[in-house]
Amino acid sequence: MFSPYLERWSLTSDGEPIITHSSRLLPVIWQDKPAMLKVATDSSERDGALLMKWWDGDGAARVYAHEGDAVLLERATDNIHCLIWR
């Protein structure tokens, strides 16, 4: 499932796959950056990827690449600080 995208986007696996009811995720490295490869298995996840691409990182993870069922997203790491609104 991940192989075509690993090759197409020059990704390196960076962890174990995560399986959910609506998608398959794989932590990867893309252009020396931590990223997440997400392959949708549900139509709502496909639609969500389009919305995230449109948001362009404003309030959501940045989309680095998108094709068909797959989306390559920026991945949060321990170095990212989160702002919690109260």
N, C-alpha and C. Protein backbone atom coordinates (compact mmCIF):
# COMPACT_ATOMS: atom_id res chain seq x y z
N MET A 1 0.82 -1.20 0.00
CA MET A 1 0.00 0.00 0.00
C MET A 1 0.87 1.26 0.00
N PHE A 2 1.96 1.28 0.75
CA PHE A 2 2.80 2.46 0.85
C PHE A 2 3.85 2.54 -0.26
N SER A 3 4.25 1.39 -0.79
CA SER A 3 5.38 1.31 -1.72
C SER A 3 5.35 2.31 -2.87
N PRO A 4 4.23 2.45 -3.59
CA PRO A 4 4.24 3.38 -4.72
C PRO A 4 4.56 4.82 -4.31
N TYR A 5 4.09 5.22 -3.15
CA TYR A 5 4.29 6.59 -2.68
C TYR A 5 5.69 6.79 -2.10
N LEU A 6 6.22 5.75 -1.45
CA LEU A 6 7.59 5.84 -0.94
C LEU A 6 8.55 6.12 -2.09
N GLU A 7 8.35 5.43 -3.19
CA GLU A 7 9.21 5.61 -4.36
C GLU A 7 8.91 6.94 -5.06
N ARG A 8 7.65 7.21 -5.32
CA ARG A 8 7.25 8.40 -6.08
C ARG A 8 7.71 9.70 -5.40
N TRP A 9 7.59 9.76 -4.07
CA TRP A 9 7.92 10.99 -3.35
C TRP A 9 9.27 10.93 -2.65
N SER A 10 10.06 9.88 -2.94
CA SER A 10 11.40 9.71 -2.35
C SER A 10 11.35 9.77 -0.82
N LEU A 11 10.52 8.91 -0.25
CA LEU A 11 10.32 8.85 1.20
C LEU A 11 11.14 7.73 1.81
N THR A 12 11.53 7.92 3.06
CA THR A 12 12.20 6.89 3.84
C THR A 12 11.33 6.58 5.04
N SER A 13 11.02 5.31 5.24
CA SER A 13 10.23 4.91 6.40
C SER A 13 10.94 5.32 7.68
N ASP A 14 10.15 5.80 8.67
CA ASP A 14 10.72 6.29 9.92
C ASP A 14 9.93 5.78 11.13
N GLY A 15 9.37 4.58 10.99
CA GLY A 15 8.60 4.01 12.09
C GLY A 15 7.66 2.93 11.59
N GLU A 16 6.87 2.44 12.51
CA GLU A 16 5.92 1.37 12.20
C GLU A 16 4.61 1.95 11.65
N PRO A 17 3.95 1.21 10.76
CA PRO A 17 2.65 1.65 10.24
C PRO A 17 1.61 1.73 11.35
N ILE A 18 0.68 2.63 11.17
CA ILE A 18 -0.45 2.80 12.08
C ILE A 18 -1.71 2.52 11.27
N ILE A 19 -2.53 1.58 11.73
CA ILE A 19 -3.73 1.18 11.01
C ILE A 19 -4.96 1.67 11.77
N THR A 20 -5.83 2.42 11.09
CA THR A 20 -7.09 2.85 11.69
C THR A 20 -8.24 2.33 10.84
N HIS A 21 -9.45 2.57 11.26
CA HIS A 21 -10.60 2.10 10.50
C HIS A 21 -10.77 2.84 9.17
N SER A 22 -10.11 3.99 9.02
CA SER A 22 -10.32 4.80 7.82
C SER A 22 -9.05 5.14 7.04
N SER A 23 -7.89 4.72 7.56
CA SER A 23 -6.66 5.04 6.83
C SER A 23 -5.49 4.20 7.33
N ARG A 24 -4.43 4.26 6.55
CA ARG A 24 -3.16 3.63 6.90
C ARG A 24 -2.13 4.74 6.93
N LEU A 25 -1.36 4.81 8.02
CA LEU A 25 -0.38 5.87 8.18
C LEU A 25 1.01 5.30 8.36
N LEU A 26 2.00 6.02 7.86
CA LEU A 26 3.38 5.59 8.01
C LEU A 26 4.25 6.82 8.28
N PRO A 27 4.94 6.85 9.43
CA PRO A 27 5.90 7.94 9.66
C PRO A 27 7.04 7.81 8.65
N VAL A 28 7.41 8.92 8.04
CA VAL A 28 8.45 8.92 7.01
C VAL A 28 9.33 10.16 7.16
N ILE A 29 10.43 10.14 6.42
CA ILE A 29 11.28 11.31 6.25
C ILE A 29 11.17 11.73 4.80
N TRP A 30 10.93 13.02 4.59
CA TRP A 30 10.83 13.59 3.25
C TRP A 30 11.68 14.86 3.21
N GLN A 31 12.65 14.88 2.32
CA GLN A 31 13.55 16.04 2.20
C GLN A 31 14.10 16.46 3.56
N ASP A 32 14.57 15.49 4.32
CA ASP A 32 15.16 15.70 5.66
C ASP A 32 14.17 16.23 6.69
N LYS A 33 12.87 16.11 6.42
CA LYS A 33 11.84 16.57 7.36
C LYS A 33 11.00 15.38 7.81
N PRO A 34 10.57 15.35 9.09
CA PRO A 34 9.63 14.32 9.50
C PRO A 34 8.27 14.58 8.84
N ALA A 35 7.68 13.53 8.32
CA ALA A 35 6.39 13.65 7.65
C ALA A 35 5.57 12.40 7.95
N MET A 36 4.30 12.44 7.57
CA MET A 36 3.41 11.30 7.74
C MET A 36 2.75 11.01 6.40
N LEU A 37 2.90 9.79 5.94
CA LEU A 37 2.23 9.33 4.73
C LEU A 37 0.91 8.71 5.17
N LYS A 38 -0.17 9.24 4.64
CA LYS A 38 -1.50 8.76 5.01
C LYS A 38 -2.23 8.30 3.75
N VAL A 39 -2.66 7.05 3.75
CA VAL A 39 -3.41 6.50 2.62
C VAL A 39 -4.83 6.21 3.10
N ALA A 40 -5.78 6.90 2.53
CA ALA A 40 -7.18 6.78 2.94
C ALA A 40 -7.79 5.47 2.46
N THR A 41 -8.62 4.90 3.30
CA THR A 41 -9.41 3.73 2.92
C THR A 41 -10.90 4.05 3.02
N ASP A 42 -11.21 5.32 3.24
CA ASP A 42 -12.57 5.78 3.46
C ASP A 42 -12.76 7.11 2.72
N SER A 43 -13.91 7.32 2.15
CA SER A 43 -14.14 8.55 1.36
C SER A 43 -14.05 9.81 2.20
N SER A 44 -14.44 9.76 3.46
CA SER A 44 -14.36 10.98 4.29
C SER A 44 -12.90 11.39 4.50
N GLU A 45 -11.99 10.43 4.59
CA GLU A 45 -10.57 10.74 4.73
C GLU A 45 -10.03 11.37 3.44
N ARG A 46 -10.49 10.90 2.30
CA ARG A 46 -10.08 11.48 1.02
C ARG A 46 -10.53 12.94 0.95
N ASP A 47 -11.77 13.20 1.33
CA ASP A 47 -12.29 14.57 1.33
C ASP A 47 -11.52 15.45 2.32
N GLY A 48 -11.18 14.87 3.47
CA GLY A 48 -10.42 15.61 4.48
C GLY A 48 -9.06 16.03 3.97
N ALA A 49 -8.42 15.19 3.17
CA ALA A 49 -7.12 15.53 2.61
C ALA A 49 -7.23 16.73 1.68
N LEU A 50 -8.29 16.80 0.90
CA LEU A 50 -8.51 17.95 0.02
C LEU A 50 -8.69 19.23 0.82
N LEU A 51 -9.43 19.13 1.92
CA LEU A 51 -9.65 20.29 2.78
C LEU A 51 -8.34 20.75 3.40
N MET A 52 -7.53 19.81 3.88
CA MET A 52 -6.24 20.17 4.48
C MET A 52 -5.33 20.84 3.45
N LYS A 53 -5.36 20.35 2.23
CA LYS A 53 -4.57 20.96 1.16
C LYS A 53 -5.04 22.41 0.94
N TRP A 54 -6.32 22.63 0.94
CA TRP A 54 -6.88 23.96 0.74
C TRP A 54 -6.48 24.90 1.89
N TRP A 55 -6.50 24.38 3.14
CA TRP A 55 -6.12 25.19 4.30
C TRP A 55 -4.65 25.60 4.24
N ASP A 56 -3.82 24.82 3.56
CA ASP A 56 -2.40 25.13 3.35
C ASP A 56 -1.66 25.40 4.66
N GLY A 57 -1.90 24.56 5.66
CA GLY A 57 -1.17 24.67 6.92
C GLY A 57 -1.70 25.69 7.90
N ASP A 58 -2.76 26.38 7.56
CA ASP A 58 -3.34 27.38 8.47
C ASP A 58 -4.32 26.67 9.41
N GLY A 59 -3.86 26.32 10.61
CA GLY A 59 -4.70 25.62 11.58
C GLY A 59 -4.72 24.11 11.40
N ALA A 60 -3.90 23.61 10.50
CA ALA A 60 -3.83 22.17 10.24
C ALA A 60 -2.42 21.83 9.79
N ALA A 61 -2.11 20.55 9.77
CA ALA A 61 -0.81 20.13 9.26
C ALA A 61 -0.67 20.54 7.80
N ARG A 62 0.52 20.95 7.41
CA ARG A 62 0.79 21.33 6.03
C ARG A 62 0.80 20.08 5.15
N VAL A 63 0.23 20.18 3.98
CA VAL A 63 0.24 19.09 3.00
C VAL A 63 1.43 19.30 2.07
N TYR A 64 2.34 18.33 2.05
CA TYR A 64 3.50 18.41 1.17
C TYR A 64 3.19 17.86 -0.21
N ALA A 65 2.35 16.82 -0.27
CA ALA A 65 2.00 16.21 -1.55
C ALA A 65 0.67 15.50 -1.40
N HIS A 66 -0.03 15.38 -2.51
CA HIS A 66 -1.34 14.72 -2.49
C HIS A 66 -1.57 14.08 -3.85
N GLU A 67 -2.01 12.83 -3.83
CA GLU A 67 -2.34 12.13 -5.07
C GLU A 67 -3.30 10.99 -4.76
N GLY A 68 -4.45 11.01 -5.38
CA GLY A 68 -5.43 9.94 -5.18
C GLY A 68 -5.79 9.77 -3.72
N ASP A 69 -5.59 8.57 -3.20
CA ASP A 69 -5.92 8.25 -1.81
C ASP A 69 -4.84 8.68 -0.83
N ALA A 70 -3.68 9.10 -1.32
CA ALA A 70 -2.54 9.38 -0.45
C ALA A 70 -2.30 10.86 -0.25
N VAL A 71 -1.86 11.18 0.96
CA VAL A 71 -1.48 12.55 1.29
C VAL A 71 -0.21 12.47 2.15
N LEU A 72 0.73 13.36 1.88
CA LEU A 72 1.96 13.46 2.65
C LEU A 72 1.86 14.72 3.48
N LEU A 73 1.87 14.54 4.80
CA LEU A 73 1.64 15.65 5.75
C LEU A 73 2.87 15.93 6.58
N GLU A 74 3.00 17.19 7.02
CA GLU A 74 4.03 17.48 8.00
C GLU A 74 3.70 16.69 9.27
N ARG A 75 4.75 16.30 9.99
CA ARG A 75 4.55 15.49 11.20
C ARG A 75 5.09 16.23 12.41
N ALA A 76 4.28 16.29 13.44
CA ALA A 76 4.70 16.91 14.70
C ALA A 76 5.79 16.05 15.34
N THR A 77 6.74 16.71 15.94
CA THR A 77 7.80 16.02 16.66
C THR A 77 7.91 16.62 18.05
N ASP A 78 8.80 16.09 18.85
CA ASP A 78 9.00 16.60 20.21
C ASP A 78 9.47 18.05 20.20
N ASN A 79 10.01 18.52 19.08
CA ASN A 79 10.55 19.88 19.00
C ASN A 79 9.47 20.92 18.73
N ILE A 80 8.26 20.50 18.44
CA ILE A 80 7.18 21.43 18.14
C ILE A 80 6.42 21.75 19.42
N HIS A 81 6.23 23.03 19.68
CA HIS A 81 5.51 23.46 20.87
C HIS A 81 4.07 23.76 20.48
N CYS A 82 3.15 23.34 21.30
CA CYS A 82 1.74 23.56 21.03
C CYS A 82 1.21 24.69 21.91
N LEU A 83 0.39 25.51 21.34
CA LEU A 83 -0.29 26.57 22.09
C LEU A 83 -1.69 26.09 22.43
N ILE A 84 -2.00 26.10 23.69
CA ILE A 84 -3.31 25.65 24.14
C ILE A 84 -4.14 26.86 24.50
N TRP A 85 -5.28 27.00 23.84
CA TRP A 85 -6.17 28.11 24.12
C TRP A 85 -7.06 27.76 25.29
N ARG A 86 -7.24 28.69 26.18
CA ARG A 86 -8.10 28.45 27.35
C ARG A 86 -9.31 29.34 27.29
